Amino acid sequence: MTTDLRARVERLAPWFHNIHLPGGIQTAPDHFLLDYPGNKFAEFGVCLPEDMTGKTVLDIGCNAGFYSVEMKRRGAERVVGIDWDERYLAQARLASEALGFADSVEFRKLSVYDVAQLGERFDLVIFMGVLYHLRHPLLALDLIREHVAGDLMLFQTMQQGSKDDAVVPEDHPFYMPGTWTPPAYFDAPEYPKMHFIERKFAGDWTNWWAPNRACSEAMLRAAGFTVTAHPQDDVYLCRIADVPFAEHGVPAAVYPSKGGVRA
């Protein structure tokens, strides 16, 4: 049994999630981040309810399913994990099967841009380690808020730059009053900034974006979330809130190729 499981794990290598399986098997025991993401979850998992009984969870970009399984361990009634990579989904199905959750976690091949196809809202949306891989990050947040977020969202993104809070005006002038000088706050390190990575970051060509802390929080607010906990520099627990400027009737998430209709 253990030999067969080990062989199945090896056939699906490499793994990014180090998941502890029966028989002392680990899926990525030599991970460069050590026992990842278990070591990270041990630090911020306290911000989530210990008892998830009766709750529904959507794990976007589920990878090998570490967080999906952890939510089942906390008693979540329904857990759906989505990813666009077939190998990750195969890893997630194997891990959940080995841990006894094969019949209680659903894994689907689906892009974050197509979450409307799920047709339901979830008590908790997990959106970790995905934003910076996306060509259209704010669109993704808009779609999550519009279609699947029912209450909480656990969010994480790679960040670079200032970790300070930013104080920005309600309305930005073109120039400082009485002058032709642009306002200086755009040059401040703590001003909300999204760094665009044209080539590669850490050898990965899919790492497109690196916001600073103020930008992460501003994007969350702009999409209709409020930050309720910040257990780590790059981790935020959010609750749904009003979408800014929604009173003007402009859809927050639009696919131009679909005739400007809400996605």
Protein backbone atom coordinates (compact mmCIF):
# COMPACT_ATOMS: atom_id res chain seq x y z
CA MET A 1 0.00 0.00 0.00
CA THR A 2 2.70 2.48 1.04
CA THR A 3 4.92 1.45 -1.87
CA ASP A 4 2.09 1.96 -4.35
CA LEU A 5 1.20 5.38 -2.90
CA ARG A 6 4.83 6.49 -3.00
CA ALA A 7 5.05 5.46 -6.67
CA ARG A 8 1.88 7.41 -7.50
CA VAL A 9 3.26 10.46 -5.75
CA GLU A 10 6.54 10.22 -7.65
CA ARG A 11 4.74 9.89 -11.00
CA LEU A 12 3.08 13.26 -10.39
CA ALA A 13 6.29 15.04 -9.32
CA PRO A 14 7.30 17.78 -8.93
CA TRP A 15 4.93 18.93 -6.17
CA PHE A 16 4.78 22.51 -4.87
CA HIS A 17 2.71 21.58 -1.81
CA ASN A 18 4.44 19.33 0.70
CA ILE A 19 1.52 17.27 1.97
CA HIS A 20 1.97 14.65 4.68
CA LEU A 21 0.33 11.41 3.55
CA PRO A 22 -0.12 8.07 5.34
CA GLY A 23 2.94 5.90 5.82
CA GLY A 24 5.22 8.87 6.48
CA ILE A 25 5.13 9.90 2.81
CA GLN A 26 5.67 13.57 2.02
CA THR A 27 4.96 14.92 -1.44
CA ALA A 28 7.78 17.51 -1.44
CA PRO A 29 10.12 16.71 1.45
CA ASP A 30 12.98 18.72 -0.07
CA HIS A 31 10.94 21.87 -0.69
CA PHE A 32 13.08 25.03 -0.80
CA LEU A 33 10.57 26.64 1.59
CA LEU A 34 10.86 23.64 3.96
CA ASP A 35 7.51 22.16 5.08
CA TYR A 36 5.49 24.43 2.81
CA PRO A 37 2.68 25.43 2.98
CA GLY A 38 2.09 23.72 6.31
CA ASN A 39 4.66 25.90 8.06
CA LYS A 40 3.01 29.05 6.70
CA PHE A 41 -0.52 27.87 7.54
CA ALA A 42 0.59 27.16 11.12
CA GLU A 43 1.27 30.89 11.51
CA PHE A 44 -1.85 32.41 9.94
CA GLY A 45 -4.42 29.60 10.23
CA VAL A 46 -5.55 30.96 13.59
CA CYS A 47 -7.36 33.79 11.79
CA LEU A 48 -9.84 31.25 10.38
CA PRO A 49 -12.56 29.57 12.44
CA GLU A 50 -11.39 26.31 13.99
CA ASP A 51 -14.88 24.91 13.47
CA MET A 52 -16.04 25.19 9.84
CA THR A 53 -19.04 22.91 10.33
CA GLY A 54 -21.75 23.68 7.79
CA LYS A 55 -19.54 26.11 5.85
CA THR A 56 -18.82 26.06 2.13
CA VAL A 57 -15.33 26.78 0.77
CA LEU A 58 -13.95 27.60 -2.67
CA ASP A 59 -10.18 27.17 -3.08
CA ILE A 60 -9.08 29.12 -6.18
CA GLY A 61 -5.76 28.00 -7.61
CA CYS A 62 -5.87 25.01 -5.30
CA ASN A 63 -2.59 23.50 -6.55
CA ALA A 64 -2.18 20.12 -4.79
CA GLY A 65 -5.12 20.81 -2.48
CA PHE A 66 -3.40 21.53 0.84
CA TYR A 67 -5.88 24.22 1.89
CA SER A 68 -8.88 22.31 0.53
CA VAL A 69 -8.00 19.36 2.74
CA GLU A 70 -7.33 21.59 5.75
CA MET A 71 -10.81 23.08 5.44
CA LYS A 72 -12.32 19.58 5.41
CA ARG A 73 -10.30 18.79 8.52
CA ARG A 74 -11.99 21.76 10.17
CA GLY A 75 -15.37 20.32 9.28
CA ALA A 76 -16.38 22.30 6.18
CA GLU A 77 -19.49 20.81 4.65
CA ARG A 78 -18.60 21.51 1.01
CA VAL A 79 -15.17 22.23 -0.46
CA VAL A 80 -14.50 22.94 -4.13
CA GLY A 81 -10.96 23.37 -5.42
CA ILE A 82 -10.30 24.81 -8.87
CA ASP A 83 -7.12 25.08 -10.89
CA TRP A 84 -6.13 25.34 -14.54
CA ASP A 85 -3.25 22.86 -14.38
CA GLU A 86 -4.21 19.22 -14.94
CA ARG A 87 -1.17 17.93 -13.01
CA TYR A 88 -2.02 20.02 -9.96
CA LEU A 89 -5.58 18.69 -10.08
CA ALA A 90 -4.29 15.13 -10.32
CA GLN A 91 -2.05 15.79 -7.32
CA ALA A 92 -4.98 17.25 -5.37
CA ARG A 93 -7.19 14.26 -6.13
CA LEU A 94 -4.46 11.82 -5.10
CA ALA A 95 -3.71 13.66 -1.85
CA SER A 96 -7.37 13.97 -0.87
CA GLU A 97 -7.92 10.29 -1.68
CA ALA A 98 -4.93 9.20 0.40
CA LEU A 99 -6.14 11.30 3.33
CA GLY A 100 -9.69 9.94 3.17
CA PHE A 101 -11.41 12.93 1.60
CA ALA A 102 -11.86 11.64 -1.96
CA ASP A 103 -15.66 11.76 -1.72
CA SER A 104 -15.93 15.08 0.08
CA VAL A 105 -13.70 17.47 -1.88
CA GLU A 106 -14.56 18.38 -5.48
CA PHE A 107 -11.75 19.43 -7.80
CA ARG A 108 -12.52 21.09 -11.13
CA LYS A 109 -10.50 22.48 -14.01
CA LEU A 110 -11.58 26.11 -14.06
CA SER A 111 -9.93 29.51 -14.43
CA VAL A 112 -10.45 32.29 -11.91
CA TYR A 113 -11.85 34.31 -14.79
CA ASP A 114 -14.66 31.76 -15.19
CA VAL A 115 -15.83 31.42 -11.57
CA ALA A 116 -19.30 32.59 -12.61
CA GLN A 117 -19.79 29.11 -14.07
CA LEU A 118 -19.91 27.71 -10.54
CA GLY A 119 -23.24 29.41 -10.01
CA GLU A 120 -22.97 29.67 -6.23
CA ARG A 121 -21.50 31.75 -3.44
CA PHE A 122 -19.24 30.33 -0.75
CA ASP A 123 -18.84 31.20 2.93
CA LEU A 124 -15.07 31.28 2.46
CA VAL A 125 -13.08 31.87 -0.70
CA ILE A 126 -9.37 31.00 -0.54
CA PHE A 127 -7.40 33.05 -3.08
CA MET A 128 -3.77 32.49 -2.19
CA GLY A 129 -0.68 32.57 -4.38
CA VAL A 130 -2.60 33.38 -7.55
CA LEU A 131 -2.93 37.14 -8.07
CA TYR A 132 0.67 37.77 -9.13
CA HIS A 133 0.45 35.03 -11.78
CA LEU A 134 -2.50 36.71 -13.52
CA ARG A 135 -2.44 38.99 -16.54
CA HIS A 136 -5.56 40.75 -15.25
CA PRO A 137 -5.42 40.77 -11.45
CA LEU A 138 -8.08 43.36 -10.62
CA LEU A 139 -10.53 41.67 -12.98
CA ALA A 140 -10.04 38.46 -11.01
CA LEU A 141 -10.84 40.19 -7.72
CA ASP A 142 -13.90 41.82 -9.28
CA LEU A 143 -15.19 38.47 -10.56
CA ILE A 144 -14.65 36.79 -7.20
CA ARG A 145 -16.57 39.54 -5.42
CA GLU A 146 -19.35 39.58 -8.00
CA HIS A 147 -19.95 35.86 -8.35
CA VAL A 148 -18.57 33.59 -5.61
CA ALA A 149 -17.65 35.50 -2.42
CA GLY A 150 -20.43 35.09 0.12
CA ASP A 151 -18.71 36.29 3.28
CA LEU A 152 -14.96 35.80 3.84
CA MET A 153 -11.94 35.69 1.56
CA LEU A 154 -8.47 34.52 2.58
CA PHE A 155 -6.07 36.34 0.27
CA GLN A 156 -2.32 36.15 -0.26
CA THR A 157 -0.03 37.65 -2.86
CA MET A 158 3.67 38.15 -3.40
CA GLN A 159 4.57 41.72 -2.37
CA GLN A 160 7.57 43.95 -2.95
CA GLY A 161 8.41 47.46 -1.86
CA SER A 162 7.17 49.45 1.11
CA LYS A 163 5.23 47.80 3.92
CA ASP A 164 4.03 51.15 5.27
CA ASP A 165 0.45 52.37 5.22
CA ALA A 166 -0.35 55.05 2.65
CA VAL A 167 -2.35 58.23 3.18
CA VAL A 168 -3.85 59.31 -0.12
CA PRO A 169 -6.35 62.07 -0.92
CA GLU A 170 -9.99 61.36 -1.73
CA ASP A 171 -9.52 63.13 -5.05
CA HIS A 172 -6.18 63.53 -6.83
CA PRO A 173 -5.44 66.90 -8.47
CA PHE A 174 -3.42 67.12 -11.67
CA TYR A 175 -1.19 69.75 -10.06
CA MET A 176 -0.58 71.16 -6.63
CA PRO A 177 -2.87 74.17 -6.08
CA GLY A 178 -1.53 77.34 -7.74
CA THR A 179 1.33 75.52 -9.48
CA TRP A 180 2.16 73.36 -12.50
CA THR A 181 3.88 70.85 -10.21
CA PRO A 182 2.47 67.31 -10.06
CA PRO A 183 1.66 66.09 -6.54
CA ALA A 184 4.62 64.49 -4.83
CA TYR A 185 2.77 61.60 -3.22
CA PHE A 186 2.97 59.52 -6.41
CA ASP A 187 6.72 59.25 -5.79
CA ALA A 188 6.36 58.21 -2.16
CA PRO A 189 7.49 54.60 -1.54
CA GLU A 190 4.35 53.85 0.45
CA TYR A 191 1.94 55.10 -2.24
CA PRO A 192 -0.09 52.14 -3.62
CA LYS A 193 2.10 50.66 -6.34
CA MET A 194 1.86 47.56 -8.50
CA HIS A 195 5.28 46.57 -9.80
CA PHE A 196 5.10 44.98 -13.25
CA ILE A 197 7.59 42.20 -13.93
CA GLU A 198 8.11 42.02 -17.69
CA ARG A 199 10.48 39.05 -17.76
CA LYS A 200 10.92 36.63 -14.87
CA PHE A 201 10.90 36.70 -11.08
CA ALA A 202 12.80 33.90 -9.30
CA GLY A 203 13.07 32.11 -12.63
CA ASP A 204 9.30 32.07 -13.18
CA TRP A 205 7.92 33.85 -16.26
CA THR A 206 4.37 33.68 -14.83
CA ASN A 207 5.22 36.07 -11.98
CA TRP A 208 3.79 39.24 -13.53
CA TRP A 209 3.00 41.50 -10.57
CA ALA A 210 4.33 42.48 -7.17
CA PRO A 211 2.21 45.04 -5.31
CA ASN A 212 3.39 46.82 -2.21
CA ARG A 213 1.28 46.43 0.92
CA ALA A 214 -0.72 49.60 0.33
CA CYS A 215 -1.56 48.48 -3.19
CA SER A 216 -2.76 45.05 -2.04
CA GLU A 217 -5.09 46.64 0.47
CA ALA A 218 -6.28 49.31 -1.97
CA MET A 219 -7.09 46.71 -4.65
CA LEU A 220 -9.05 44.65 -2.13
CA ARG A 221 -11.08 47.70 -1.13
CA ALA A 222 -11.63 48.68 -4.77
CA ALA A 223 -13.05 45.22 -5.50
CA GLY A 224 -15.47 45.36 -2.57
CA PHE A 225 -13.59 43.75 0.34
CA THR A 226 -12.58 45.06 3.73
CA VAL A 227 -9.54 43.69 5.55
CA THR A 228 -10.49 42.23 8.94
CA ALA A 229 -7.17 40.57 9.83
CA HIS A 230 -3.57 40.78 8.60
CA PRO A 231 -1.83 37.80 10.22
CA GLN A 232 1.24 37.94 7.95
CA ASP A 233 2.78 40.58 5.71
CA ASP A 234 1.34 38.96 2.59
CA VAL A 235 -1.83 37.37 4.02
CA TYR A 236 -5.17 39.13 4.48
CA LEU A 237 -8.50 37.91 5.80
CA CYS A 238 -11.25 39.94 4.18
CA ARG A 239 -15.01 40.29 4.40
CA ILE A 240 -17.25 41.38 1.55
CA ALA A 241 -18.24 45.04 1.59
CA ASP A 242 -19.91 47.52 -0.73
CA VAL A 243 -18.27 47.87 -4.14
CA PRO A 244 -17.03 51.47 -4.53
CA PHE A 245 -18.86 53.56 -7.12
CA ALA A 246 -21.45 50.83 -7.69
CA GLU A 247 -24.12 53.51 -7.35
CA HIS A 248 -23.06 54.82 -10.74
CA GLY A 249 -24.29 51.62 -12.34
CA VAL A 250 -21.01 50.69 -13.98
CA PRO A 251 -20.31 46.92 -13.91
CA ALA A 252 -17.25 46.13 -11.88
CA ALA A 253 -16.24 43.13 -13.99
CA VAL A 254 -16.69 43.32 -17.74
CA TYR A 255 -15.49 41.14 -20.59
CA PRO A 256 -15.32 43.52 -23.58
CA SER A 257 -15.33 40.56 -25.98
CA LYS A 258 -18.77 39.64 -24.64
CA GLY A 259 -20.37 42.88 -25.61
CA GLY A 260 -19.79 44.66 -22.32
CA VAL A 261 -22.17 42.34 -20.48
CA ARG A 262 -21.43 41.43 -16.89
CA ALA A 263 -19.30 38.31 -16.82
